[in-house]
PDB file of N, CA and C in Angstrom:
ATOM      1  N   UNK A   1     113.358 109.135 120.096  1.00  0.00           N
ATOM      2  CA  UNK A   1     111.963 109.512 120.010  1.00  0.00           C
ATOM      3  C   UNK A   1     111.117 108.312 120.407  1.00  0.00           C
ATOM      4  N   UNK A   2     109.987 108.535 121.060  1.00  0.00           N
ATOM      5  CA  UNK A   2     109.147 107.474 121.581  1.00  0.00           C
ATOM      6  C   UNK A   2     108.116 106.916 120.623  1.00  0.00           C
ATOM      7  N   UNK A   3     107.985 107.471 119.423  1.00  0.00           N
ATOM      8  CA  UNK A   3     107.022 106.905 118.464  1.00  0.00           C
ATOM      9  C   UNK A   3     107.468 107.228 117.051  1.00  0.00           C
ATOM     10  N   UNK A   4     106.904 106.462 116.101  1.00  0.00           N
ATOM     11  CA  UNK A   4     107.129 106.671 114.684  1.00  0.00           C
ATOM     12  C   UNK A   4     105.781 106.470 114.003  1.00  0.00           C
ATOM     13  N   UNK A   5     105.487 107.243 112.982  1.00  0.00           N
ATOM     14  CA  UNK A   5     104.208 107.130 112.286  1.00  0.00           C
ATOM     15  C   UNK A   5     104.424 107.191 110.782  1.00  0.00           C
ATOM     16  N   UNK A   6     103.585 106.482 110.073  1.00  0.00           N
ATOM     17  CA  UNK A   6     103.512 106.590 108.610  1.00  0.00           C
ATOM     18  C   UNK A   6     102.043 106.768 108.257  1.00  0.00           C
ATOM     19  N   UNK A   7     101.784 107.464 107.160  1.00  0.00           N
ATOM     20  CA  UNK A   7     100.399 107.672 106.761  1.00  0.00           C
ATOM     21  C   UNK A   7     100.113 106.897 105.484  1.00  0.00           C
ATOM     22  N   UNK A   8      98.848 106.529 105.314  1.00  0.00           N
ATOM     23  CA  UNK A   8      98.430 105.698 104.194  1.00  0.00           C
ATOM     24  C   UNK A   8      98.948 106.128 102.840  1.00  0.00           C
ATOM     25  N   UNK A   9      98.749 107.388 102.465  1.00  0.00           N
ATOM     26  CA  UNK A   9      99.204 107.799 101.132  1.00  0.00           C
ATOM     27  C   UNK A   9     100.720 107.716 100.946  1.00  0.00           C
ATOM     28  N   UNK A  10     101.468 107.695 102.038  1.00  0.00           N
ATOM     29  CA  UNK A  10     102.928 107.658 101.940  1.00  0.00           C
ATOM     30  C   UNK A  10     103.500 106.248 101.823  1.00  0.00           C
ATOM     31  N   UNK A  11     102.641 105.232 101.894  1.00  0.00           N
ATOM     32  CA  UNK A  11     103.129 103.858 101.887  1.00  0.00           C
ATOM     33  C   UNK A  11     103.588 103.427 100.496  1.00  0.00           C
ATOM     34  N   UNK A  12     104.866 103.061 100.359  1.00  0.00           N
ATOM     35  CA  UNK A  12     105.272 102.465  99.089  1.00  0.00           C
ATOM     36  C   UNK A  12     104.899 100.978  99.099  1.00  0.00           C
ATOM     37  N   UNK A  13     104.237 100.534  98.050  1.00  0.00           N
ATOM     38  CA  UNK A  13     103.827  99.140  97.933  1.00  0.00           C
ATOM     39  C   UNK A  13     104.689  98.428  96.905  1.00  0.00           C
ATOM     40  N   UNK A  14     104.976  97.174  97.170  1.00  0.00           N
ATOM     41  CA  UNK A  14     105.748  96.323  96.277  1.00  0.00           C
ATOM     42  C   UNK A  14     104.819  95.228  95.753  1.00  0.00           C
ATOM     43  N   UNK A  15     104.941  94.892  94.482  1.00  0.00           N
ATOM     44  CA  UNK A  15     104.117  93.836  93.907  1.00  0.00           C
ATOM     45  C   UNK A  15     104.608  92.468  94.344  1.00  0.00           C
ATOM     46  N   UNK A  16     103.680  91.585  94.674  1.00  0.00           N
ATOM     47  CA  UNK A  16     103.981  90.202  95.043  1.00  0.00           C
ATOM     48  C   UNK A  16     103.100  89.260  94.232  1.00  0.00           C
ATOM     49  N   UNK A  17     103.524  88.939  92.987  1.00  0.00           N
ATOM     50  CA  UNK A  17     102.733  87.985  92.207  1.00  0.00           C
ATOM     51  C   UNK A  17     102.839  86.593  92.808  1.00  0.00           C
ATOM     52  N   UNK A  18     101.793  85.796  92.626  1.00  0.00           N
ATOM     53  CA  UNK A  18     101.840  84.422  93.118  1.00  0.00           C
ATOM     54  C   UNK A  18     101.421  83.437  92.044  1.00  0.00           C
ATOM     55  N   UNK A  19     100.209  83.552  91.552  1.00  0.00           N
ATOM     56  CA  UNK A  19      99.715  82.577  90.577  1.00  0.00           C
ATOM     57  C   UNK A  19      99.505  83.226  89.213  1.00  0.00           C
ATOM     58  N   UNK A  20      99.853  82.489  88.151  1.00  0.00           N
ATOM     59  CA  UNK A  20      99.625  82.978  86.794  1.00  0.00           C
ATOM     60  C   UNK A  20      98.153  83.309  86.603  1.00  0.00           C
ATOM     61  N   UNK A  21      97.902  84.418  85.943  1.00  0.00           N
ATOM     62  CA  UNK A  21      96.537  84.820  85.657  1.00  0.00           C
ATOM     63  C   UNK A  21      95.888  85.643  86.756  1.00  0.00           C
ATOM     64  N   UNK A  22      96.519  85.757  87.911  1.00  0.00           N
ATOM     65  CA  UNK A  22      95.993  86.580  89.003  1.00  0.00           C
ATOM     66  C   UNK A  22      96.768  87.887  89.058  1.00  0.00           C
ATOM     67  N   UNK A  23      96.098  88.990  89.364  1.00  0.00           N
ATOM     68  CA  UNK A  23      96.854  90.222  89.570  1.00  0.00           C
ATOM     69  C   UNK A  23      97.743  90.074  90.803  1.00  0.00           C
ATOM     70  N   UNK A  24      98.858  90.788  90.845  1.00  0.00           N
ATOM     71  CA  UNK A  24      99.734  90.660  92.009  1.00  0.00           C
ATOM     72  C   UNK A  24      99.125  91.288  93.255  1.00  0.00           C
ATOM     73  N   UNK A  25      99.437  90.695  94.396  1.00  0.00           N
ATOM     74  CA  UNK A  25      99.113  91.313  95.673  1.00  0.00           C
ATOM     75  C   UNK A  25     100.119  92.437  95.891  1.00  0.00           C
ATOM     76  N   UNK A  26      99.778  93.397  96.712  1.00  0.00           N
ATOM     77  CA  UNK A  26     100.681  94.504  97.024  1.00  0.00           C
ATOM     78  C   UNK A  26     100.979  94.474  98.511  1.00  0.00           C
ATOM     79  N   UNK A  27     102.228  94.774  98.874  1.00  0.00           N
ATOM     80  CA  UNK A  27     102.608  94.755 100.284  1.00  0.00           C
ATOM     81  C   UNK A  27     103.442  95.991 100.620  1.00  0.00           C
ATOM     82  N   UNK A  28     103.133  96.588 101.761  1.00  0.00           N
ATOM     83  CA  UNK A  28     103.920  97.695 102.313  1.00  0.00           C
ATOM     84  C   UNK A  28     104.657  97.163 103.532  1.00  0.00           C
ATOM     85  N   UNK A  29     105.959  97.366 103.572  1.00  0.00           N
ATOM     86  CA  UNK A  29     106.807  96.889 104.666  1.00  0.00           C
ATOM     87  C   UNK A  29     106.777  97.893 105.809  1.00  0.00           C
ATOM     88  N   UNK A  30     105.910  97.662 106.782  1.00  0.00           N
ATOM     89  CA  UNK A  30     105.813  98.561 107.936  1.00  0.00           C
ATOM     90  C   UNK A  30     106.934  98.318 108.938  1.00  0.00           C
ATOM     91  N   UNK A  31     107.522  97.140 108.913  1.00  0.00           N
ATOM     92  CA  UNK A  31     108.636  96.843 109.821  1.00  0.00           C
ATOM     93  C   UNK A  31     109.760  97.848 109.610  1.00  0.00           C
ATOM     94  N   UNK A  32     110.139  98.052 108.363  1.00  0.00           N
ATOM     95  CA  UNK A  32     111.206  99.010 108.056  1.00  0.00           C
ATOM     96  C   UNK A  32     110.734 100.447 108.212  1.00  0.00           C
ATOM     97  N   UNK A  33     109.537 100.731 107.702  1.00  0.00           N
ATOM     98  CA  UNK A  33     109.028 102.101 107.742  1.00  0.00           C
ATOM     99  C   UNK A  33     108.899 102.623 109.172  1.00  0.00           C
ATOM    100  N   UNK A  34     108.555 101.729 110.108  1.00  0.00           N
ATOM    101  CA  UNK A  34     108.362 102.130 111.510  1.00  0.00           C
ATOM    102  C   UNK A  34     109.549 101.778 112.392  1.00  0.00           C
ATOM    103  N   UNK A  35     110.585 101.188 111.782  1.00  0.00           N
ATOM    104  CA  UNK A  35     111.776 100.762 112.517  1.00  0.00           C
ATOM    105  C   UNK A  35     111.401  99.869 113.703  1.00  0.00           C
ATOM    106  N   UNK A  36     110.546  98.862 113.425  1.00  0.00           N
ATOM    107  CA  UNK A  36     110.131  97.926 114.481  1.00  0.00           C
ATOM    108  C   UNK A  36     111.286  97.012 114.843  1.00  0.00           C
ATOM    109  N   UNK A  37     111.482  96.782 116.120  1.00  0.00           N
ATOM    110  CA  UNK A  37     112.575  95.925 116.590  1.00  0.00           C
ATOM    111  C   UNK A  37     112.086  94.690 117.340  1.00  0.00           C
ATOM    112  N   UNK A  38     110.881  94.734 117.896  1.00  0.00           N
ATOM    113  CA  UNK A  38     110.350  93.630 118.689  1.00  0.00           C
ATOM    114  C   UNK A  38     109.266  92.837 117.964  1.00  0.00           C
ATOM    115  N   UNK A  39     108.955  93.249 116.729  1.00  0.00           N
ATOM    116  CA  UNK A  39     107.876  92.615 115.982  1.00  0.00           C
ATOM    117  C   UNK A  39     108.069  92.923 114.497  1.00  0.00           C
ATOM    118  N   UNK A  40     107.181  92.354 113.681  1.00  0.00           N
ATOM    119  CA  UNK A  40     107.176  92.628 112.241  1.00  0.00           C
ATOM    120  C   UNK A  40     105.764  92.989 111.823  1.00  0.00           C
ATOM    121  N   UNK A  41     105.632  93.845 110.806  1.00  0.00           N
ATOM    122  CA  UNK A  41     104.298  94.240 110.347  1.00  0.00           C
ATOM    123  C   UNK A  41     104.315  94.525 108.854  1.00  0.00           C
ATOM    124  N   UNK A  42     103.203  94.193 108.226  1.00  0.00           N
ATOM    125  CA  UNK A  42     103.013  94.437 106.798  1.00  0.00           C
ATOM    126  C   UNK A  42     101.566  94.895 106.585  1.00  0.00           C
ATOM    127  N   UNK A  43     101.372  95.660 105.539  1.00  0.00           N
ATOM    128  CA  UNK A  43     100.046  96.035 105.099  1.00  0.00           C
ATOM    129  C   UNK A  43      99.884  95.431 103.710  1.00  0.00           C
ATOM    130  N   UNK A  44      98.885  94.564 103.551  1.00  0.00           N
ATOM    131  CA  UNK A  44      98.665  93.838 102.296  1.00  0.00           C
ATOM    132  C   UNK A  44      97.407  94.326 101.616  1.00  0.00           C
ATOM    133  N   UNK A  45      97.475  94.421 100.291  1.00  0.00           N
ATOM    134  CA  UNK A  45      96.318  94.715  99.455  1.00  0.00           C
ATOM    135  C   UNK A  45      96.125  93.506  98.543  1.00  0.00           C
ATOM    136  N   UNK A  46      94.998  92.826  98.718  1.00  0.00           N
ATOM    137  CA  UNK A  46      94.664  91.656  97.913  1.00  0.00           C
ATOM    138  C   UNK A  46      93.598  92.048  96.889  1.00  0.00           C
ATOM    139  N   UNK A  47      93.940  92.070  95.599  1.00  0.00           N
ATOM    140  CA  UNK A  47      92.916  92.318  94.585  1.00  0.00           C
ATOM    141  C   UNK A  47      91.864  91.207  94.615  1.00  0.00           C
ATOM    142  N   UNK A  48      90.710  91.439  93.995  1.00  0.00           N
ATOM    143  CA  UNK A  48      89.688  90.393  93.947  1.00  0.00           C
ATOM    144  C   UNK A  48      90.245  89.086  93.357  1.00  0.00           C
ATOM    145  N   UNK A  49      89.813  87.981  93.939  1.00  0.00           N
ATOM    146  CA  UNK A  49      90.121  86.637  93.437  1.00  0.00           C
ATOM    147  C   UNK A  49      91.624  86.345  93.378  1.00  0.00           C
ATOM    148  N   UNK A  50      92.337  86.714  94.437  1.00  0.00           N
ATOM    149  CA  UNK A  50      93.761  86.396  94.550  1.00  0.00           C
ATOM    150  C   UNK A  50      94.000  85.632  95.847  1.00  0.00           C
ATOM    151  N   UNK A  51      95.152  85.025  95.923  1.00  0.00           N
ATOM    152  CA  UNK A  51      95.513  84.289  97.137  1.00  0.00           C
ATOM    153  C   UNK A  51      96.999  84.418  97.392  1.00  0.00           C
ATOM    154  N   UNK A  52      97.350  84.219  98.665  1.00  0.00           N
ATOM    155  CA  UNK A  52      98.750  84.192  99.060  1.00  0.00           C
ATOM    156  C   UNK A  52      99.238  82.753  99.164  1.00  0.00           C
ATOM    157  N   UNK A  53     100.510  82.605  99.451  1.00  0.00           N
ATOM    158  CA  UNK A  53     101.102  81.279  99.595  1.00  0.00           C
ATOM    159  C   UNK A  53     100.639  80.640 100.900  1.00  0.00           C
ATOM    160  N   UNK A  54     100.343  79.356 100.857  1.00  0.00           N
ATOM    161  CA  UNK A  54     100.035  78.611 102.081  1.00  0.00           C
ATOM    162  C   UNK A  54     101.362  78.363 102.784  1.00  0.00           C
ATOM    163  N   UNK A  55     101.393  78.655 104.067  1.00  0.00           N
ATOM    164  CA  UNK A  55     102.652  78.552 104.821  1.00  0.00           C
ATOM    165  C   UNK A  55     102.349  78.396 106.300  1.00  0.00           C
ATOM    166  N   UNK A  56     103.404  78.209 107.064  1.00  0.00           N
ATOM    167  CA  UNK A  56     103.288  78.282 108.521  1.00  0.00           C
ATOM    168  C   UNK A  56     104.524  78.964 109.058  1.00  0.00           C
ATOM    169  N   UNK A  57     104.318  79.710 110.104  1.00  0.00           N
ATOM    170  CA  UNK A  57     105.416  80.381 110.804  1.00  0.00           C
ATOM    171  C   UNK A  57     105.761  79.531 112.016  1.00  0.00           C
ATOM    172  N   UNK A  58     107.013  79.155 112.135  1.00  0.00           N
ATOM    173  CA  UNK A  58     107.398  78.265 113.226  1.00  0.00           C
ATOM    174  C   UNK A  58     107.667  78.998 114.540  1.00  0.00           C
ATOM    175  N   UNK A  59     108.002  80.292 114.461  1.00  0.00           N
ATOM    176  CA  UNK A  59     108.354  81.017 115.682  1.00  0.00           C
ATOM    177  C   UNK A  59     107.403  82.162 116.006  1.00  0.00           C
ATOM    178  N   UNK A  60     106.696  82.672 115.009  1.00  0.00           N
ATOM    179  CA  UNK A  60     105.886  83.872 115.205  1.00  0.00           C
ATOM    180  C   UNK A  60     104.428  83.582 115.507  1.00  0.00           C
ATOM    181  N   UNK A  61     103.902  84.306 116.472  1.00  0.00           N
ATOM    182  CA  UNK A  61     102.454  84.436 116.635  1.00  0.00           C
ATOM    183  C   UNK A  61     102.074  85.585 115.702  1.00  0.00           C
ATOM    184  N   UNK A  62     101.019  85.382 114.904  1.00  0.00           N
ATOM    185  CA  UNK A  62     100.629  86.412 113.952  1.00  0.00           C
ATOM    186  C   UNK A  62      99.199  86.869 114.197  1.00  0.00           C
ATOM    187  N   UNK A  63      98.970  88.163 113.958  1.00  0.00           N
ATOM    188  CA  UNK A  63      97.643  88.751 114.080  1.00  0.00           C
ATOM    189  C   UNK A  63      97.289  89.356 112.726  1.00  0.00           C
ATOM    190  N   UNK A  64      96.070  89.062 112.260  1.00  0.00           N
ATOM    191  CA  UNK A  64      95.575  89.556 110.987  1.00  0.00           C
ATOM    192  C   UNK A  64      94.343  90.405 111.262  1.00  0.00           C
ATOM    193  N   UNK A  65      94.373  91.671 110.832  1.00  0.00           N
ATOM    194  CA  UNK A  65      93.241  92.581 111.005  1.00  0.00           C
ATOM    195  C   UNK A  65      92.767  93.025 109.629  1.00  0.00           C
ATOM    196  N   UNK A  66      91.515  92.734 109.320  1.00  0.00           N
ATOM    197  CA  UNK A  66      90.947  93.108 108.024  1.00  0.00           C
ATOM    198  C   UNK A  66      90.468  94.556 108.116  1.00  0.00           C
ATOM    199  N   UNK A  67      91.089  95.423 107.346  1.00  0.00           N
ATOM    200  CA  UNK A  67      90.741  96.841 107.371  1.00  0.00           C
ATOM    201  C   UNK A  67      89.645  97.175 106.372  1.00  0.00           C
ATOM    202  N   UNK A  68      89.685  96.519 105.214  1.00  0.00           N
ATOM    203  CA  UNK A  68      88.681  96.740 104.170  1.00  0.00           C
ATOM    204  C   UNK A  68      88.377  95.422 103.489  1.00  0.00           C
ATOM    205  N   UNK A  69      87.157  95.257 103.022  1.00  0.00           N
ATOM    206  CA  UNK A  69      86.780  94.079 102.262  1.00  0.00           C
ATOM    207  C   UNK A  69      86.571  92.856 103.130  1.00  0.00           C
ATOM    208  N   UNK A  70      86.595  91.692 102.487  1.00  0.00           N
ATOM    209  CA  UNK A  70      86.427  90.412 103.170  1.00  0.00           C
ATOM    210  C   UNK A  70      87.591  89.514 102.826  1.00  0.00           C
ATOM    211  N   UNK A  71      88.214  88.949 103.837  1.00  0.00           N
ATOM    212  CA  UNK A  71      89.337  88.039 103.664  1.00  0.00           C
ATOM    213  C   UNK A  71      88.891  86.638 104.028  1.00  0.00           C
ATOM    214  N   UNK A  72      89.308  85.660 103.244  1.00  0.00           N
ATOM    215  CA  UNK A  72      89.093  84.260 103.570  1.00  0.00           C
ATOM    216  C   UNK A  72      90.434  83.690 104.004  1.00  0.00           C
ATOM    217  N   UNK A  73      90.454  83.006 105.149  1.00  0.00           N
ATOM    218  CA  UNK A  73      91.678  82.351 105.600  1.00  0.00           C
ATOM    219  C   UNK A  73      91.421  80.852 105.690  1.00  0.00           C
ATOM    220  N   UNK A  74      92.401  80.080 105.264  1.00  0.00           N
ATOM    221  CA  UNK A  74      92.400  78.643 105.476  1.00  0.00           C
ATOM    222  C   UNK A  74      93.394  78.393 106.591  1.00  0.00           C
ATOM    223  N   UNK A  75      92.906  77.895 107.728  1.00  0.00           N
ATOM    224  CA  UNK A  75      93.720  77.772 108.935  1.00  0.00           C
ATOM    225  C   UNK A  75      93.750  76.331 109.413  1.00  0.00           C
ATOM    226  N   UNK A  76      94.940  75.860 109.766  1.00  0.00           N
ATOM    227  CA  UNK A  76      95.098  74.529 110.333  1.00  0.00           C
ATOM    228  C   UNK A  76      95.292  73.459 109.281  1.00  0.00           C
ATOM    229  N   UNK A  77      95.386  72.217 109.765  1.00  0.00           N
ATOM    230  CA  UNK A  77      95.560  71.054 108.898  1.00  0.00           C
ATOM    231  C   UNK A  77      94.772  69.895 109.476  1.00  0.00           C
ATOM    232  N   UNK A  78      93.655  69.489 108.863  1.00  0.00           N
ATOM    233  CA  UNK A  78      93.157  69.987 107.585  1.00  0.00           C
ATOM    234  C   UNK A  78      92.673  71.430 107.719  1.00  0.00           C
ATOM    235  N   UNK A  79      92.677  72.167 106.599  1.00  0.00           N
ATOM    236  CA  UNK A  79      92.339  73.587 106.668  1.00  0.00           C
ATOM    237  C   UNK A  79      90.873  73.842 106.995  1.00  0.00           C
ATOM    238  N   UNK A  80      90.663  74.778 107.909  1.00  0.00           N
ATOM    239  CA  UNK A  80      89.318  75.256 108.222  1.00  0.00           C
ATOM    240  C   UNK A  80      89.149  76.611 107.556  1.00  0.00           C
ATOM    241  N   UNK A  81      88.083  76.781 106.811  1.00  0.00           N
ATOM    242  CA  UNK A  81      87.808  78.030 106.102  1.00  0.00           C
ATOM    243  C   UNK A  81      87.165  79.024 107.070  1.00  0.00           C
ATOM    244  N   UNK A  82      87.773  80.207 107.197  1.00  0.00           N
ATOM    245  CA  UNK A  82      87.279  81.255 108.091  1.00  0.00           C
ATOM    246  C   UNK A  82      87.074  82.526 107.269  1.00  0.00           C
ATOM    247  N   UNK A  83      85.837  83.004 107.230  1.00  0.00           N
ATOM    248  CA  UNK A  83      85.502  84.241 106.514  1.00  0.00           C
ATOM    249  C   UNK A  83      85.613  85.413 107.483  1.00  0.00           C
ATOM    250  N   UNK A  84      86.363  86.433 107.093  1.00  0.00           N
ATOM    251  CA  UNK A  84      86.612  87.581 107.957  1.00  0.00           C
ATOM    252  C   UNK A  84      86.192  88.881 107.263  1.00  0.00           C
ATOM    253  N   UNK A  85      85.025  89.421 107.623  1.00  0.00           N
ATOM    254  CA  UNK A  85      84.624  90.704 107.043  1.00  0.00           C
ATOM    255  C   UNK A  85      85.454  91.839 107.647  1.00  0.00           C
ATOM    256  N   UNK A  86      85.292  93.002 107.081  1.00  0.00           N
ATOM    257  CA  UNK A  86      85.988  94.194 107.558  1.00  0.00           C
ATOM    258  C   UNK A  86      85.849  94.344 109.072  1.00  0.00           C
ATOM    259  N   UNK A  87      86.921  94.756 109.725  1.00  0.00           N
ATOM    260  CA  UNK A  87      87.036  94.969 111.164  1.00  0.00           C
ATOM    261  C   UNK A  87      87.167  93.671 111.954  1.00  0.00           C
ATOM    262  N   UNK A  88      87.395  92.544 111.264  1.00  0.00           N
ATOM    263  CA  UNK A  88      87.641  91.273 111.953  1.00  0.00           C
ATOM    264  C   UNK A  88      89.128  91.141 112.256  1.00  0.00           C
ATOM    265  N   UNK A  89      89.427  90.411 113.327  1.00  0.00           N
ATOM    266  CA  UNK A  89      90.807  90.164 113.723  1.00  0.00           C
ATOM    267  C   UNK A  89      90.943  88.697 114.102  1.00  0.00           C
ATOM    268  N   UNK A  90      92.032  88.072 113.690  1.00  0.00           N
ATOM    269  CA  UNK A  90      92.303  86.682 114.060  1.00  0.00           C
ATOM    270  C   UNK A  90      93.767  86.576 114.485  1.00  0.00           C
ATOM    271  N   UNK A  91      94.018  85.795 115.540  1.00  0.00           N
ATOM    272  CA  UNK A  91      95.382  85.510 115.998  1.00  0.00           C
ATOM    273  C   UNK A  91      95.692  84.060 115.647  1.00  0.00           C
ATOM    274  N   UNK A  92      96.898  83.824 115.139  1.00  0.00           N
ATOM    275  CA  UNK A  92      97.303  82.496 114.703  1.00  0.00           C
ATOM    276  C   UNK A  92      98.567  82.094 115.457  1.00  0.00           C
ATOM    277  N   UNK A  93      98.496  80.929 116.107  1.00  0.00           N
ATOM    278  CA  UNK A  93      99.634  80.417 116.868  1.00  0.00           C
ATOM    279  C   UNK A  93     100.757  79.940 115.946  1.00  0.00           C
ATOM    280  N   UNK A  94     102.008  79.971 116.415  1.00  0.00           N
ATOM    281  CA  UNK A  94     103.109  79.416 115.636  1.00  0.00           C
ATOM    282  C   UNK A  94     102.827  77.947 115.299  1.00  0.00           C
ATOM    283  N   UNK A  95     103.258  77.535 114.105  1.00  0.00           N
ATOM    284  CA  UNK A  95     103.083  76.154 113.683  1.00  0.00           C
ATOM    285  C   UNK A  95     101.741  75.848 113.049  1.00  0.00           C
ATOM    286  N   UNK A  96     100.867  76.855 112.912  1.00  0.00           N
ATOM    287  CA  UNK A  96      99.552  76.659 112.310  1.00  0.00           C
ATOM    288  C   UNK A  96      99.602  77.011 110.822  1.00  0.00           C
ATOM    289  N   UNK A  97      99.245  76.083 109.931  1.00  0.00           N
ATOM    290  CA  UNK A  97      99.202  76.424 108.508  1.00  0.00           C
ATOM    291  C   UNK A  97      98.196  77.532 108.237  1.00  0.00           C
ATOM    292  N   UNK A  98      98.589  78.444 107.331  1.00  0.00           N
ATOM    293  CA  UNK A  98      97.810  79.645 107.007  1.00  0.00           C
ATOM    294  C   UNK A  98      97.795  79.833 105.493  1.00  0.00           C
ATOM    295  N   UNK A  99      96.653  80.228 104.970  1.00  0.00           N
ATOM    296  CA  UNK A  99      96.600  80.748 103.605  1.00  0.00           C
ATOM    297  C   UNK A  99      95.571  81.856 103.574  1.00  0.00           C
ATOM    298  N   UNK A 100      95.959  83.015 103.027  1.00  0.00           N
ATOM    299  CA  UNK A 100      95.068  84.147 102.871  1.00  0.00           C
ATOM    300  C   UNK A 100      94.542  84.165 101.446  1.00  0.00           C
ATOM    301  N   UNK A 101      93.234  84.463 101.323  1.00  0.00           N
ATOM    302  CA  UNK A 101      92.602  84.539 100.015  1.00  0.00           C
ATOM    303  C   UNK A 101      91.595  85.673  99.999  1.00  0.00           C
ATOM    304  N   UNK A 102      91.450  86.253  98.837  1.00  0.00           N
ATOM    305  CA  UNK A 102      90.350  87.182  98.612  1.00  0.00           C
ATOM    306  C   UNK A 102      89.476  86.543  97.549  1.00  0.00           C
ATOM    307  N   UNK A 103      88.416  85.888  97.971  1.00  0.00           N
ATOM    308  CA  UNK A 103      87.497  85.226  97.058  1.00  0.00           C
ATOM    309  C   UNK A 103      86.377  86.150  96.605  1.00  0.00           C
ATOM    310  N   UNK A 104      86.425  87.410  97.018  1.00  0.00           N
ATOM    311  CA  UNK A 104      85.340  88.356  96.720  1.00  0.00           C
ATOM    312  C   UNK A 104      85.625  89.143  95.446  1.00  0.00           C
ATOM    313  N   UNK A 105      84.684  90.021  95.101  1.00  0.00           N
ATOM    314  CA  UNK A 105      84.804  90.874  93.915  1.00  0.00           C
ATOM    315  C   UNK A 105      85.362  92.254  94.239  1.00  0.00           C
ATOM    316  N   UNK A 106      85.779  92.495  95.492  1.00  0.00           N
ATOM    317  CA  UNK A 106      86.327  93.791  95.907  1.00  0.00           C
ATOM    318  C   UNK A 106      87.694  93.575  96.554  1.00  0.00           C
ATOM    319  N   UNK A 107      88.531  94.592  96.538  1.00  0.00           N
ATOM    320  CA  UNK A 107      89.848  94.503  97.157  1.00  0.00           C
ATOM    321  C   UNK A 107      89.722  94.279  98.669  1.00  0.00           C
ATOM    322  N   UNK A 108      90.660  93.528  99.231  1.00  0.00           N
ATOM    323  CA  UNK A 108      90.756  93.350 100.682  1.00  0.00           C
ATOM    324  C   UNK A 108      92.077  93.965 101.142  1.00  0.00           C
ATOM    325  N   UNK A 109      92.031  94.709 102.238  1.00  0.00           N
ATOM    326  CA  UNK A 109      93.231  95.312 102.822  1.00  0.00           C
ATOM    327  C   UNK A 109      93.402  94.724 104.216  1.00  0.00           C
ATOM    328  N   UNK A 110      94.605  94.180 104.483  1.00  0.00           N
ATOM    329  CA  UNK A 110      94.845  93.435 105.716  1.00  0.00           C
ATOM    330  C   UNK A 110      96.133  93.921 106.371  1.00  0.00           C
ATOM    331  N   UNK A 111      96.056  94.197 107.662  1.00  0.00           N
ATOM    332  CA  UNK A 111      97.231  94.514 108.468  1.00  0.00           C
ATOM    333  C   UNK A 111      97.681  93.214 109.137  1.00  0.00           C
ATOM    334  N   UNK A 112      98.957  92.860 108.952  1.00  0.00           N
ATOM    335  CA  UNK A 112      99.498  91.622 109.516  1.00  0.00           C
ATOM    336  C   UNK A 112     100.647  91.989 110.452  1.00  0.00           C
ATOM    337  N   UNK A 113     100.578  91.447 111.669  1.00  0.00           N
ATOM    338  CA  UNK A 113     101.539  91.779 112.719  1.00  0.00           C
ATOM    339  C   UNK A 113     102.036  90.487 113.345  1.00  0.00           C
ATOM    340  N   UNK A 114     103.346  90.342 113.501  1.00  0.00           N
ATOM    341  CA  UNK A 114     103.895  89.131 114.082  1.00  0.00           C
ATOM    342  C   UNK A 114     104.981  89.423 115.098  1.00  0.00           C
ATOM    343  N   UNK A 115     105.068  88.542 116.093  1.00  0.00           N
ATOM    344  CA  UNK A 115     106.091  88.667 117.122  1.00  0.00           C
ATOM    345  C   UNK A 115     106.428  87.271 117.635  1.00  0.00           C
ATOM    346  N   UNK A 116     107.695  86.997 117.928  1.00  0.00           N
ATOM    347  CA  UNK A 116     108.868  87.856 117.812  1.00  0.00           C
ATOM    348  C   UNK A 116     109.230  88.097 116.338  1.00  0.00           C
ATOM    349  N   UNK A 117     110.144  89.039 116.085  1.00  0.00           N
ATOM    350  CA  UNK A 117     110.456  89.437 114.710  1.00  0.00           C
ATOM    351  C   UNK A 117     111.361  88.437 113.987  1.00  0.00           C
ATOM    352  N   UNK A 118     111.000  87.181 114.029  1.00  0.00           N
ATOM    353  CA  UNK A 118     111.805  86.137 113.391  1.00  0.00           C
ATOM    354  C   UNK A 118     111.559  86.129 111.889  1.00  0.00           C
ATOM    355  N   UNK A 119     112.615  86.122 111.131  1.00  0.00           N
ATOM    356  CA  UNK A 119     112.515  86.014 109.673  1.00  0.00           C
ATOM    357  C   UNK A 119     113.211  84.723 109.261  1.00  0.00           C
ATOM    358  N   UNK A 120     112.698  84.098 108.223  1.00  0.00           N
ATOM    359  CA  UNK A 120     113.340  82.904 107.700  1.00  0.00           C
ATOM    360  C   UNK A 120     112.984  81.619 108.422  1.00  0.00           C
ATOM    361  N   UNK A 121     112.011  81.650 109.321  1.00  0.00           N
ATOM    362  CA  UNK A 121     111.619  80.418 110.021  1.00  0.00           C
ATOM    363  C   UNK A 121     110.308  79.863 109.487  1.00  0.00           C
ATOM    364  N   UNK A 122     109.767  80.502 108.446  1.00  0.00           N
ATOM    365  CA  UNK A 122     108.524  80.033 107.858  1.00  0.00           C
ATOM    366  C   UNK A 122     108.762  78.837 106.948  1.00  0.00           C
ATOM    367  N   UNK A 123     107.699  78.114 106.701  1.00  0.00           N
ATOM    368  CA  UNK A 123     107.755  76.941 105.830  1.00  0.00           C
ATOM    369  C   UNK A 123     106.625  77.060 104.814  1.00  0.00           C
ATOM    370  N   UNK A 124     106.961  76.956 103.514  1.00  0.00           N
ATOM    371  CA  UNK A 124     105.940  76.986 102.469  1.00  0.00           C
ATOM    372  C   UNK A 124     105.292  75.619 102.376  1.00  0.00           C
ATOM    373  N   UNK A 125     103.976  75.621 102.166  1.00  0.00           N
ATOM    374  CA  UNK A 125     103.189  74.389 102.082  1.00  0.00           C
ATOM    375  C   UNK A 125     102.484  74.328 100.730  1.00  0.00           C
ATOM    376  N   UNK A 126     102.001  73.147 100.364  1.00  0.00           N
ATOM    377  CA  UNK A 126     101.239  72.994  99.138  1.00  0.00           C
ATOM    378  C   UNK A 126      99.942  73.779  99.227  1.00  0.00           C
ATOM    379  N   UNK A 127      99.558  74.359  98.094  1.00  0.00           N
ATOM    380  CA  UNK A 127      98.322  75.109  98.000  1.00  0.00           C
ATOM    381  C   UNK A 127      97.115  74.209  98.253  1.00  0.00           C
ATOM    382  N   UNK A 128      96.027  74.806  98.709  1.00  0.00           N
ATOM    383  CA  UNK A 128      94.774  74.094  98.919  1.00  0.00           C
ATOM    384  C   UNK A 128      93.762  74.664  97.929  1.00  0.00           C
ATOM    385  N   UNK A 129      93.088  73.805  97.197  1.00  0.00           N
ATOM    386  CA  UNK A 129      92.076  74.302  96.233  1.00  0.00           C
ATOM    387  C   UNK A 129      90.712  74.329  96.836  1.00  0.00           C
TER     388      UNK A 129
END
């Protein structure tokens, strides 16, 4: 078959806690759901005032599309703060430090897409306050 589709209500989300005292982020694995072979994709739900791990991908170019809410990204070293309202998109080159945050009072929903589909080549970095 030439295409595969999943619909929003059908997405199973997995909890991804990071910091004590913060609600867990939720992630839907679109790579498996869509049987992607040339790329990887996730759908993330960031509750208000949560953050993800600061990291860098050594092999993947990544694209972040904000579907709902406002996402704050810390990009590069030293980190540059980039505010991304709904319908914003940013592409991040391999080797660039990244941290996603929701500093707002509303949930942020973000589609993350990376290629090539390399897993295990990321590096965790110290958090930035």
